[in-house]
């Protein structure tokens, strides 16, 4: 299952609350903070929403004298850039035998261009399913009930 993650290669977005913009912001901040609250305040002061700041704060860990962001920002950047370079449409268009793919598309997000949405919806078959939810990219925040419903409906029973 992918959640608002278009499978094609493209240029990564760099502004707003894009992954690369957030990484750049984190790189510009001090390495250490007195508390998680201070970390959240710094992210908010950089122009990000409380929800994003608190989500990022889930990745701070205590250290001597305070807290620090625990993830390796260089590795995150490498992973994000690799994600945007990969073209996985061939896998979605021709899934291997026995593989079931499910795409969740957020209707208010720009992750899927209109042509990509049409392309994805045209692939619906016994191996590929698509749900479009009334949400922005942060589907788990904007439509948590809908996402939960979709996940429960699409995950096979064991």
Foldseek 3Di string as FASTA:
>chain_A
DDEQAQQAADDFDCDDPGPNVVLVQLVPDDFFDQELVRQLVSVVVVPDDSVVSVVQSVQWDDDVRGIGRNDDSVVSVVVVNVRNHGHCVVCLQPPPPPAAEEYEHEPAEPSAPVVSVVVLPVSDDPRYYYHYDPHYRPCCVGPVVVVVVVVVVPDDDD
